[in-house]
Amino acid sequence: MAHKVQHCTKSAMFFIQMNNKKSVLEYKKLPNNVFDFWHTEVPPEHRGHGVAAELVKHGFQYCKDNQYKVLPSCSYVAKYAREMATPEEKKLVVDSA
């Protein structure tokens, strides 16, 4: 199910607003054009429906489009990078900043 992913640079997050609940992918912008994706959170009633994967995919696309690398310090983002990322997305991943 496709949701509208929004990006708030001031709060350093990508998010999906669903009713009164927000699913988030938070990041820190590091030196050397690296985005540290450090936290994902999806409300319990929306878990297991691909919402986190949708957020992370959007985050990876943003990084690709803007020449950033991705540091997957969030355990979910690391799992996505290992198991679900496309070969193109995997090229964005770095071990450390």
C-alpha atoms as a PDB file:
ATOM      1  CA  MET A   1       0.000   0.000   0.000  1.00  0.00           C
ATOM      2  CA  ALA A   2       1.522   3.300  -1.069  1.00  0.00           C
ATOM      3  CA  HIS A   3       1.430   6.125   1.428  1.00  0.00           C
ATOM      4  CA  LYS A   4       2.420   9.758   1.049  1.00  0.00           C
ATOM      5  CA  VAL A   5       5.937  10.041   2.452  1.00  0.00           C
ATOM      6  CA  GLN A   6       6.833  13.540   3.576  1.00  0.00           C
ATOM      7  CA  HIS A   7      10.256  14.966   4.405  1.00  0.00           C
ATOM      8  CA  CYS A   8      10.855  17.522   7.138  1.00  0.00           C
ATOM      9  CA  THR A   9      14.435  18.779   6.934  1.00  0.00           C
ATOM     10  CA  LYS A  10      14.008  20.901  10.075  1.00  0.00           C
ATOM     11  CA  SER A  11      13.160  17.783  12.131  1.00  0.00           C
ATOM     12  CA  ALA A  12      15.515  15.570  10.072  1.00  0.00           C
ATOM     13  CA  MET A  13      12.912  12.937   9.318  1.00  0.00           C
ATOM     14  CA  PHE A  14      10.852  11.266   6.666  1.00  0.00           C
ATOM     15  CA  PHE A  15       7.345  10.478   7.852  1.00  0.00           C
ATOM     16  CA  ILE A  16       3.952   9.097   6.929  1.00  0.00           C
ATOM     17  CA  GLN A  17       0.928  10.630   8.653  1.00  0.00           C
ATOM     18  CA  MET A  18      -1.850   8.067   9.119  1.00  0.00           C
ATOM     19  CA  ASN A  19      -4.894   9.403  10.982  1.00  0.00           C
ATOM     20  CA  ASN A  20      -3.481  10.834  14.211  1.00  0.00           C
ATOM     21  CA  LYS A  21      -0.389   8.615  14.170  1.00  0.00           C
ATOM     22  CA  LYS A  22       2.973   9.246  12.551  1.00  0.00           C
ATOM     23  CA  SER A  23       5.472   6.658  11.286  1.00  0.00           C
ATOM     24  CA  VAL A  24       9.007   8.048  11.105  1.00  0.00           C
ATOM     25  CA  LEU A  25      12.490   7.489   9.727  1.00  0.00           C
ATOM     26  CA  GLU A  26      14.837   9.838  11.565  1.00  0.00           C
ATOM     27  CA  TYR A  27      18.317  10.728  10.372  1.00  0.00           C
ATOM     28  CA  LYS A  28      21.372  12.786  11.178  1.00  0.00           C
ATOM     29  CA  LYS A  29      23.225  14.532   8.392  1.00  0.00           C
ATOM     30  CA  LEU A  30      26.914  13.698   8.848  1.00  0.00           C
ATOM     31  CA  PRO A  31      30.048  15.024   7.133  1.00  0.00           C
ATOM     32  CA  ASN A  32      31.075  13.632   3.741  1.00  0.00           C
ATOM     33  CA  ASN A  33      27.491  13.614   2.424  1.00  0.00           C
ATOM     34  CA  VAL A  34      26.302  10.801   4.692  1.00  0.00           C
ATOM     35  CA  PHE A  35      22.812  10.397   6.113  1.00  0.00           C
ATOM     36  CA  ASP A  36      22.805   8.325   9.307  1.00  0.00           C
ATOM     37  CA  PHE A  37      19.406   6.621   9.367  1.00  0.00           C
ATOM     38  CA  TRP A  38      19.353   6.058  13.118  1.00  0.00           C
ATOM     39  CA  HIS A  39      15.702   5.437  14.055  1.00  0.00           C
ATOM     40  CA  THR A  40      12.481   4.074  12.586  1.00  0.00           C
ATOM     41  CA  GLU A  41       9.194   3.893  14.417  1.00  0.00           C
ATOM     42  CA  VAL A  42       5.783   2.686  13.302  1.00  0.00           C
ATOM     43  CA  PRO A  43       2.742   2.696  15.608  1.00  0.00           C
ATOM     44  CA  PRO A  44       1.829  -0.855  16.719  1.00  0.00           C
ATOM     45  CA  GLU A  45      -1.415  -0.964  14.742  1.00  0.00           C
ATOM     46  CA  HIS A  46       0.452  -0.242  11.481  1.00  0.00           C
ATOM     47  CA  ARG A  47       3.373  -2.649  11.960  1.00  0.00           C
ATOM     48  CA  GLY A  48       3.751  -5.626   9.663  1.00  0.00           C
ATOM     49  CA  HIS A  49       2.249  -3.832   6.673  1.00  0.00           C
ATOM     50  CA  GLY A  50       5.413  -2.580   4.981  1.00  0.00           C
ATOM     51  CA  VAL A  51       5.234   0.976   6.313  1.00  0.00           C
ATOM     52  CA  ALA A  52       8.818   1.007   7.643  1.00  0.00           C
ATOM     53  CA  ALA A  53      10.120  -0.470   4.375  1.00  0.00           C
ATOM     54  CA  GLU A  54       8.258   2.233   2.460  1.00  0.00           C
ATOM     55  CA  LEU A  55       9.872   4.953   4.589  1.00  0.00           C
ATOM     56  CA  VAL A  56      13.346   3.469   4.223  1.00  0.00           C
ATOM     57  CA  LYS A  57      12.948   2.994   0.456  1.00  0.00           C
ATOM     58  CA  HIS A  58      11.934   6.643   0.172  1.00  0.00           C
ATOM     59  CA  GLY A  59      14.943   7.676   2.290  1.00  0.00           C
ATOM     60  CA  PHE A  60      17.296   5.689   0.073  1.00  0.00           C
ATOM     61  CA  GLN A  61      15.760   7.270  -3.039  1.00  0.00           C
ATOM     62  CA  TYR A  62      16.236  10.742  -1.575  1.00  0.00           C
ATOM     63  CA  CYS A  63      19.885   9.943  -0.858  1.00  0.00           C
ATOM     64  CA  LYS A  64      20.405   8.553  -4.354  1.00  0.00           C
ATOM     65  CA  ASP A  65      18.788  11.598  -5.968  1.00  0.00           C
ATOM     66  CA  ASN A  66      20.916  13.989  -3.894  1.00  0.00           C
ATOM     67  CA  GLN A  67      24.277  12.152  -3.970  1.00  0.00           C
ATOM     68  CA  TYR A  68      24.257  11.105  -0.298  1.00  0.00           C
ATOM     69  CA  LYS A  69      25.495   7.855   1.202  1.00  0.00           C
ATOM     70  CA  VAL A  70      23.562   5.943   3.870  1.00  0.00           C
ATOM     71  CA  LEU A  71      24.851   4.837   7.264  1.00  0.00           C
ATOM     72  CA  PRO A  72      22.271   2.299   8.502  1.00  0.00           C
ATOM     73  CA  SER A  73      22.746   2.591  12.280  1.00  0.00           C
ATOM     74  CA  CYS A  74      19.076   1.732  12.960  1.00  0.00           C
ATOM     75  CA  SER A  75      18.680  -2.048  13.224  1.00  0.00           C
ATOM     76  CA  TYR A  76      15.670  -2.020  10.886  1.00  0.00           C
ATOM     77  CA  VAL A  77      17.498   0.047   8.261  1.00  0.00           C
ATOM     78  CA  ALA A  78      20.489  -2.309   8.522  1.00  0.00           C
ATOM     79  CA  LYS A  79      18.175  -5.292   7.991  1.00  0.00           C
ATOM     80  CA  TYR A  80      16.562  -3.527   5.009  1.00  0.00           C
ATOM     81  CA  ALA A  81      20.014  -2.811   3.535  1.00  0.00           C
ATOM     82  CA  ARG A  82      21.046  -6.483   3.906  1.00  0.00           C
ATOM     83  CA  GLU A  83      17.835  -8.236   2.915  1.00  0.00           C
ATOM     84  CA  MET A  84      15.567  -5.961   0.890  1.00  0.00           C
ATOM     85  CA  ALA A  85      17.670  -3.267  -0.769  1.00  0.00           C
ATOM     86  CA  THR A  86      18.097  -3.262  -4.520  1.00  0.00           C
ATOM     87  CA  PRO A  87      21.658  -3.529  -5.861  1.00  0.00           C
ATOM     88  CA  GLU A  88      21.481   0.213  -6.606  1.00  0.00           C
ATOM     89  CA  GLU A  89      20.448   0.959  -3.003  1.00  0.00           C
ATOM     90  CA  LYS A  90      23.215  -1.270  -1.625  1.00  0.00           C
ATOM     91  CA  LYS A  91      25.784   0.908  -3.410  1.00  0.00           C
ATOM     92  CA  LEU A  92      24.727   3.820  -1.172  1.00  0.00           C
ATOM     93  CA  VAL A  93      25.508   2.002   2.086  1.00  0.00           C
ATOM     94  CA  VAL A  94      28.634   2.851   4.087  1.00  0.00           C
ATOM     95  CA  ASP A  95      30.027   1.144   7.212  1.00  0.00           C
ATOM     96  CA  SER A  96      30.987   4.339   9.006  1.00  0.00           C
ATOM     97  CA  ALA A  97      31.018   8.047   8.421  1.00  0.00           C
END
